[in-house]
Amino acid sequence: MAVKAVVFDLGNVLIEWNPRHLYRKVFSDEEAMEQFLATVCTMEWNDGLDRGHPLAEAVATLSAEYPEHAEHIAAYHERWAEMVDGAIDETVAVLAELRDAGVPLYALSNWSAETFVLVRDQFPFLDWFAGVLLSSEVGVTKPDVRIFETLCRRYGLEPAATLFIDDNAPNVDGARAAGLQAHHYRSAATLREELVSLRLVAGE
C-alpha cells in the first residue's frame, strides 16, 4: 500500500542522544563509566523514565540503592541535557525533503516528557511534525504494539499506509506487528534510498 504518512523516532535518528556525552565529563576512567552505565543507570532503568516514572523519584530510589554513586546518579537528573549532542543534520535534511513534498509527518519516541522539555527548543524542526507522541504520555514504550496503536488512533493514521522509521530493530519489528510499514534506520543515505523507492522524495 502507498505510504500516506511518515513517523520518525527521535533519539539517534534525528537527535543525537547518549548518556556517555555527559558521563565522560563525570568519570575520569572510561571503564568505570561503562560499569556504572551497565549496572546502575542502565537502559532498563531509563526505560522506566520513558514510561513516565518521575525522574526525581527514580533518582532518589536508585541513590538509596547505590549510595556510593549518589553524585553520579544525581547528574542524570541535574545535567540530563548534556546527554544530547545536537541534531543529526543529514537526517534532518531528509525530513525537510519530506516536508517540502507535503508528506504528513509525525514523531514517536521513547522519551520522558520531563526531559523532552529541557531540549525541545533546541530543535526547530520538531515544529514540522503534525503530532509528537512521547512514551511517557501513555505509559508504554516501543516496541509494545500498544504505543503504535495509540499513535494511529490519536492522529487518525491508517497503519498499512504509515511508514515508521527507527534505529532500533525490535522497535521496527513492533511497528510491523502493529501493521505499519517500517524502515530500520542505519544512515540518512539508506533512508533516503528507501523514500525514493517509495516515491516519497525525488531521486537525484
C-alpha atoms as a PDB file:
ATOM      1  CA  MET A   1       0.000   0.000   0.000  1.00  0.00           C
ATOM      2  CA  ALA A   2       1.213   3.518  -0.804  1.00  0.00           C
ATOM      3  CA  VAL A   3       2.605   5.441   2.143  1.00  0.00           C
ATOM      4  CA  LYS A   4       0.467   8.407   3.170  1.00  0.00           C
ATOM      5  CA  ALA A   5       2.298   9.440   6.367  1.00  0.00           C
ATOM      6  CA  VAL A   6       5.785   9.029   7.820  1.00  0.00           C
ATOM      7  CA  VAL A   7       6.594   8.634  11.522  1.00  0.00           C
ATOM      8  CA  PHE A   8      10.108   9.261  12.854  1.00  0.00           C
ATOM      9  CA  ASP A   9      11.778   8.089  16.009  1.00  0.00           C
ATOM     10  CA  LEU A  10      13.738  10.986  17.517  1.00  0.00           C
ATOM     11  CA  GLY A  11      16.691   9.712  19.549  1.00  0.00           C
ATOM     12  CA  ASN A  12      19.645   8.743  17.331  1.00  0.00           C
ATOM     13  CA  VAL A  13      17.603   9.231  14.180  1.00  0.00           C
ATOM     14  CA  LEU A  14      17.100  13.000  14.291  1.00  0.00           C
ATOM     15  CA  ILE A  15      18.660  13.901  17.651  1.00  0.00           C
ATOM     16  CA  GLU A  16      21.980  12.563  18.938  1.00  0.00           C
ATOM     17  CA  TRP A  17      21.451  11.184  22.475  1.00  0.00           C
ATOM     18  CA  ASN A  18      23.870   9.159  24.570  1.00  0.00           C
ATOM     19  CA  PRO A  19      24.452   9.235  28.357  1.00  0.00           C
ATOM     20  CA  ARG A  20      28.172   8.970  27.608  1.00  0.00           C
ATOM     21  CA  HIS A  21      28.184  12.563  26.355  1.00  0.00           C
ATOM     22  CA  LEU A  22      27.565  13.542  29.979  1.00  0.00           C
ATOM     23  CA  TYR A  23      29.327  10.793  31.875  1.00  0.00           C
ATOM     24  CA  ARG A  24      32.654  11.187  30.105  1.00  0.00           C
ATOM     25  CA  LYS A  25      32.756  14.543  31.894  1.00  0.00           C
ATOM     26  CA  VAL A  26      31.768  12.965  35.213  1.00  0.00           C
ATOM     27  CA  PHE A  27      34.108   9.941  35.164  1.00  0.00           C
ATOM     28  CA  SER A  28      37.840  10.169  34.545  1.00  0.00           C
ATOM     29  CA  ASP A  29      38.002   6.434  33.810  1.00  0.00           C
ATOM     30  CA  GLU A  30      36.178   5.019  30.777  1.00  0.00           C
ATOM     31  CA  GLU A  31      35.915   1.527  32.240  1.00  0.00           C
ATOM     32  CA  ALA A  32      34.367   2.849  35.462  1.00  0.00           C
ATOM     33  CA  MET A  33      31.870   4.852  33.423  1.00  0.00           C
ATOM     34  CA  GLU A  34      30.846   1.813  31.387  1.00  0.00           C
ATOM     35  CA  GLN A  35      30.463  -0.242  34.561  1.00  0.00           C
ATOM     36  CA  PHE A  36      28.218   2.455  36.042  1.00  0.00           C
ATOM     37  CA  LEU A  37      26.026   2.603  32.940  1.00  0.00           C
ATOM     38  CA  ALA A  38      25.831  -1.192  32.769  1.00  0.00           C
ATOM     39  CA  THR A  39      24.897  -1.733  36.414  1.00  0.00           C
ATOM     40  CA  VAL A  40      23.430   1.471  37.897  1.00  0.00           C
ATOM     41  CA  CYS A  41      21.929   3.978  35.450  1.00  0.00           C
ATOM     42  CA  THR A  42      21.091   1.245  32.963  1.00  0.00           C
ATOM     43  CA  MET A  43      18.971   1.403  29.839  1.00  0.00           C
ATOM     44  CA  GLU A  44      16.396  -0.700  31.689  1.00  0.00           C
ATOM     45  CA  TRP A  45      16.255   1.949  34.416  1.00  0.00           C
ATOM     46  CA  ASN A  46      15.957   4.669  31.787  1.00  0.00           C
ATOM     47  CA  ASP A  47      13.071   2.736  30.247  1.00  0.00           C
ATOM     48  CA  GLY A  48      11.140   3.350  33.460  1.00  0.00           C
ATOM     49  CA  LEU A  49      11.631   7.085  32.949  1.00  0.00           C
ATOM     50  CA  ASP A  50      10.432   6.719  29.368  1.00  0.00           C
ATOM     51  CA  ARG A  51       7.277   5.063  30.700  1.00  0.00           C
ATOM     52  CA  GLY A  52       6.602   8.098  32.875  1.00  0.00           C
ATOM     53  CA  HIS A  53       8.288   7.328  36.211  1.00  0.00           C
ATOM     54  CA  PRO A  54       9.070  10.749  37.774  1.00  0.00           C
ATOM     55  CA  LEU A  55      12.777  11.467  37.393  1.00  0.00           C
ATOM     56  CA  ALA A  56      13.354  12.873  40.889  1.00  0.00           C
ATOM     57  CA  GLU A  57      11.673   9.846  42.448  1.00  0.00           C
ATOM     58  CA  ALA A  58      13.631   7.414  40.276  1.00  0.00           C
ATOM     59  CA  VAL A  59      16.913   9.126  41.156  1.00  0.00           C
ATOM     60  CA  ALA A  60      16.126   9.084  44.878  1.00  0.00           C
ATOM     61  CA  THR A  61      15.262   5.378  44.815  1.00  0.00           C
ATOM     62  CA  LEU A  62      18.375   4.456  42.843  1.00  0.00           C
ATOM     63  CA  SER A  63      20.598   6.618  45.060  1.00  0.00           C
ATOM     64  CA  ALA A  64      19.312   4.790  48.131  1.00  0.00           C
ATOM     65  CA  GLU A  65      20.229   1.503  46.458  1.00  0.00           C
ATOM     66  CA  TYR A  66      23.672   2.714  45.337  1.00  0.00           C
ATOM     67  CA  PRO A  67      24.700   5.424  47.842  1.00  0.00           C
ATOM     68  CA  GLU A  68      28.313   5.238  46.676  1.00  0.00           C
ATOM     69  CA  HIS A  69      27.089   6.530  43.290  1.00  0.00           C
ATOM     70  CA  ALA A  70      24.647   9.146  44.599  1.00  0.00           C
ATOM     71  CA  GLU A  71      26.540  12.026  42.991  1.00  0.00           C
ATOM     72  CA  HIS A  72      26.770  10.244  39.645  1.00  0.00           C
ATOM     73  CA  ILE A  73      23.077   9.347  39.722  1.00  0.00           C
ATOM     74  CA  ALA A  74      22.127  12.933  40.600  1.00  0.00           C
ATOM     75  CA  ALA A  75      23.891  14.087  37.433  1.00  0.00           C
ATOM     76  CA  TYR A  76      21.372  12.071  35.408  1.00  0.00           C
ATOM     77  CA  HIS A  77      18.745  14.490  36.679  1.00  0.00           C
ATOM     78  CA  GLU A  78      20.657  17.724  37.124  1.00  0.00           C
ATOM     79  CA  ARG A  79      22.703  17.541  33.906  1.00  0.00           C
ATOM     80  CA  TRP A  80      20.452  15.456  31.664  1.00  0.00           C
ATOM     81  CA  ALA A  81      20.568  17.961  28.806  1.00  0.00           C
ATOM     82  CA  GLU A  82      24.304  17.286  28.422  1.00  0.00           C
ATOM     83  CA  MET A  83      23.438  13.824  27.091  1.00  0.00           C
ATOM     84  CA  VAL A  84      22.079  15.467  23.942  1.00  0.00           C
ATOM     85  CA  ASP A  85      24.703  16.341  21.343  1.00  0.00           C
ATOM     86  CA  GLY A  86      22.667  18.186  18.745  1.00  0.00           C
ATOM     87  CA  ALA A  87      20.718  17.298  15.645  1.00  0.00           C
ATOM     88  CA  ILE A  88      21.695  14.644  13.118  1.00  0.00           C
ATOM     89  CA  ASP A  89      21.792  17.098  10.248  1.00  0.00           C
ATOM     90  CA  GLU A  90      21.806  14.573   7.411  1.00  0.00           C
ATOM     91  CA  THR A  91      18.530  13.065   8.607  1.00  0.00           C
ATOM     92  CA  VAL A  92      17.018  16.479   9.253  1.00  0.00           C
ATOM     93  CA  ALA A  93      17.752  17.255   5.591  1.00  0.00           C
ATOM     94  CA  VAL A  94      15.775  14.161   4.555  1.00  0.00           C
ATOM     95  CA  LEU A  95      12.965  15.227   6.887  1.00  0.00           C
ATOM     96  CA  ALA A  96      12.959  18.621   5.172  1.00  0.00           C
ATOM     97  CA  GLU A  97      12.570  16.934   1.786  1.00  0.00           C
ATOM     98  CA  LEU A  98       9.515  15.074   3.040  1.00  0.00           C
ATOM     99  CA  ARG A  99       8.083  18.269   4.477  1.00  0.00           C
ATOM    100  CA  ASP A 100       8.639  20.113   1.207  1.00  0.00           C
ATOM    101  CA  ALA A 101       6.951  17.249  -0.662  1.00  0.00           C
ATOM    102  CA  GLY A 102       3.869  17.695   1.513  1.00  0.00           C
ATOM    103  CA  VAL A 103       4.140  14.324   3.272  1.00  0.00           C
ATOM    104  CA  PRO A 104       2.350  14.325   6.668  1.00  0.00           C
ATOM    105  CA  LEU A 105       4.997  13.873   9.372  1.00  0.00           C
ATOM    106  CA  TYR A 106       4.753  12.551  12.933  1.00  0.00           C
ATOM    107  CA  ALA A 107       7.192  11.584  15.684  1.00  0.00           C
ATOM    108  CA  LEU A 108       7.041   8.681  18.128  1.00  0.00           C
ATOM    109  CA  SER A 109       9.754   8.459  20.758  1.00  0.00           C
ATOM    110  CA  ASN A 110      10.610   6.586  23.931  1.00  0.00           C
ATOM    111  CA  TRP A 111      11.225   9.757  25.900  1.00  0.00           C
ATOM    112  CA  SER A 112      10.254  11.275  29.237  1.00  0.00           C
ATOM    113  CA  ALA A 113       8.169  14.429  28.889  1.00  0.00           C
ATOM    114  CA  GLU A 114      10.156  15.813  31.845  1.00  0.00           C
ATOM    115  CA  THR A 115      13.421  15.741  29.932  1.00  0.00           C
ATOM    116  CA  PHE A 116      11.984  16.410  26.473  1.00  0.00           C
ATOM    117  CA  VAL A 117      11.039  19.944  27.510  1.00  0.00           C
ATOM    118  CA  LEU A 118      14.660  20.615  28.517  1.00  0.00           C
ATOM    119  CA  VAL A 119      15.850  20.414  24.910  1.00  0.00           C
ATOM    120  CA  ARG A 120      12.673  20.916  22.869  1.00  0.00           C
ATOM    121  CA  ASP A 121      13.502  24.469  21.837  1.00  0.00           C
ATOM    122  CA  GLN A 122      16.939  23.461  20.513  1.00  0.00           C
ATOM    123  CA  PHE A 123      15.339  21.689  17.564  1.00  0.00           C
ATOM    124  CA  PRO A 124      13.087  23.902  15.408  1.00  0.00           C
ATOM    125  CA  PHE A 125      12.432  21.008  13.021  1.00  0.00           C
ATOM    126  CA  LEU A 126      10.174  19.486  15.676  1.00  0.00           C
ATOM    127  CA  ASP A 127       7.627  22.085  14.563  1.00  0.00           C
ATOM    128  CA  TRP A 128       7.404  20.281  11.225  1.00  0.00           C
ATOM    129  CA  PHE A 129       5.570  17.374  12.824  1.00  0.00           C
ATOM    130  CA  ALA A 130       1.783  17.330  12.799  1.00  0.00           C
ATOM    131  CA  GLY A 131       1.993  15.379  16.050  1.00  0.00           C
ATOM    132  CA  VAL A 132       4.592  14.137  18.544  1.00  0.00           C
ATOM    133  CA  LEU A 133       3.785  11.212  20.851  1.00  0.00           C
ATOM    134  CA  LEU A 134       6.116  10.532  23.778  1.00  0.00           C
ATOM    135  CA  SER A 135       6.036   7.164  25.513  1.00  0.00           C
ATOM    136  CA  SER A 136       5.751   8.778  28.949  1.00  0.00           C
ATOM    137  CA  GLU A 137       2.400  10.257  27.937  1.00  0.00           C
ATOM    138  CA  VAL A 138       0.857   6.806  27.554  1.00  0.00           C
ATOM    139  CA  GLY A 139       2.938   4.726  29.982  1.00  0.00           C
ATOM    140  CA  VAL A 140       4.041   2.306  27.265  1.00  0.00           C
ATOM    141  CA  THR A 141       7.314   2.183  25.342  1.00  0.00           C
ATOM    142  CA  LYS A 142       8.262   0.805  21.955  1.00  0.00           C
ATOM    143  CA  PRO A 143       8.327  -1.976  20.852  1.00  0.00           C
ATOM    144  CA  ASP A 144       4.976  -2.654  22.577  1.00  0.00           C
ATOM    145  CA  VAL A 145       2.344  -2.689  19.825  1.00  0.00           C
ATOM    146  CA  ARG A 146       0.013  -0.646  22.033  1.00  0.00           C
ATOM    147  CA  ILE A 147       2.050   2.510  21.555  1.00  0.00           C
ATOM    148  CA  PHE A 148       1.762   2.200  17.778  1.00  0.00           C
ATOM    149  CA  GLU A 149      -1.973   1.599  18.104  1.00  0.00           C
ATOM    150  CA  THR A 150      -2.247   4.706  20.289  1.00  0.00           C
ATOM    151  CA  LEU A 151      -0.289   6.726  17.730  1.00  0.00           C
ATOM    152  CA  CYS A 152      -2.543   5.692  14.863  1.00  0.00           C
ATOM    153  CA  ARG A 153      -5.717   6.203  16.868  1.00  0.00           C
ATOM    154  CA  ARG A 154      -4.672   9.628  18.147  1.00  0.00           C
ATOM    155  CA  TYR A 155      -3.706  11.010  14.760  1.00  0.00           C
ATOM    156  CA  GLY A 156      -6.115   9.094  12.545  1.00  0.00           C
ATOM    157  CA  LEU A 157      -3.376   7.185  10.732  1.00  0.00           C
ATOM    158  CA  GLU A 158      -4.017   4.070   8.671  1.00  0.00           C
ATOM    159  CA  PRO A 159      -1.339   1.599   9.867  1.00  0.00           C
ATOM    160  CA  ALA A 160      -0.771  -0.053   6.490  1.00  0.00           C
ATOM    161  CA  ALA A 161      -0.301   3.363   4.862  1.00  0.00           C
ATOM    162  CA  THR A 162       2.096   4.643   7.536  1.00  0.00           C
ATOM    163  CA  LEU A 163       5.891   4.282   7.422  1.00  0.00           C
ATOM    164  CA  PHE A 164       7.732   4.161  10.759  1.00  0.00           C
ATOM    165  CA  ILE A 165      11.481   4.880  10.961  1.00  0.00           C
ATOM    166  CA  ASP A 166      13.606   3.759  13.941  1.00  0.00           C
ATOM    167  CA  ASP A 167      17.244   2.857  14.605  1.00  0.00           C
ATOM    168  CA  ASN A 168      16.294   0.039  16.990  1.00  0.00           C
ATOM    169  CA  ALA A 169      15.456  -3.280  15.293  1.00  0.00           C
ATOM    170  CA  PRO A 170      12.968  -4.506  17.961  1.00  0.00           C
ATOM    171  CA  ASN A 171      11.043  -1.237  17.582  1.00  0.00           C
ATOM    172  CA  VAL A 172      10.887  -1.789  13.831  1.00  0.00           C
ATOM    173  CA  ASP A 173       9.530  -5.282  14.480  1.00  0.00           C
ATOM    174  CA  GLY A 174       6.976  -3.857  16.918  1.00  0.00           C
ATOM    175  CA  ALA A 175       5.745  -1.403  14.307  1.00  0.00           C
ATOM    176  CA  ARG A 176       5.351  -4.168  11.752  1.00  0.00           C
ATOM    177  CA  ALA A 177       3.483  -6.294  14.298  1.00  0.00           C
ATOM    178  CA  ALA A 178       1.073  -3.372  14.692  1.00  0.00           C
ATOM    179  CA  GLY A 179       0.509  -3.312  10.934  1.00  0.00           C
ATOM    180  CA  LEU A 180       2.724  -0.385   9.974  1.00  0.00           C
ATOM    181  CA  GLN A 181       5.363  -0.344   7.279  1.00  0.00           C
ATOM    182  CA  ALA A 182       8.799   0.168   8.833  1.00  0.00           C
ATOM    183  CA  HIS A 183      12.370   1.107   7.974  1.00  0.00           C
ATOM    184  CA  HIS A 184      15.354   0.159  10.144  1.00  0.00           C
ATOM    185  CA  TYR A 185      17.385   3.366  10.188  1.00  0.00           C
ATOM    186  CA  ARG A 186      21.137   2.977   9.724  1.00  0.00           C
ATOM    187  CA  SER A 187      22.020   6.173   7.892  1.00  0.00           C
ATOM    188  CA  ALA A 188      20.369   9.150   6.250  1.00  0.00           C
ATOM    189  CA  ALA A 189      21.601   7.908   2.870  1.00  0.00           C
ATOM    190  CA  THR A 190      19.942   4.491   3.106  1.00  0.00           C
ATOM    191  CA  LEU A 191      16.788   6.093   4.484  1.00  0.00           C
ATOM    192  CA  ARG A 192      16.643   8.430   1.529  1.00  0.00           C
ATOM    193  CA  GLU A 193      17.059   5.498  -0.869  1.00  0.00           C
ATOM    194  CA  GLU A 194      14.047   3.845   0.746  1.00  0.00           C
ATOM    195  CA  LEU A 195      11.988   7.023   0.480  1.00  0.00           C
ATOM    196  CA  VAL A 196      12.913   7.390  -3.192  1.00  0.00           C
ATOM    197  CA  SER A 197      11.823   3.793  -3.831  1.00  0.00           C
ATOM    198  CA  LEU A 198       8.508   4.592  -2.136  1.00  0.00           C
ATOM    199  CA  ARG A 199       8.158   7.704  -4.334  1.00  0.00           C
ATOM    200  CA  LEU A 200       8.010   9.975  -1.307  1.00  0.00           C
ATOM    201  CA  VAL A 201      11.009  12.083  -2.349  1.00  0.00           C
ATOM    202  CA  ALA A 202      12.532  12.664  -5.767  1.00  0.00           C
ATOM    203  CA  GLY A 203      15.559  10.714  -6.931  1.00  0.00           C
ATOM    204  CA  GLU A 204      18.770  12.602  -7.571  1.00  0.00           C
END
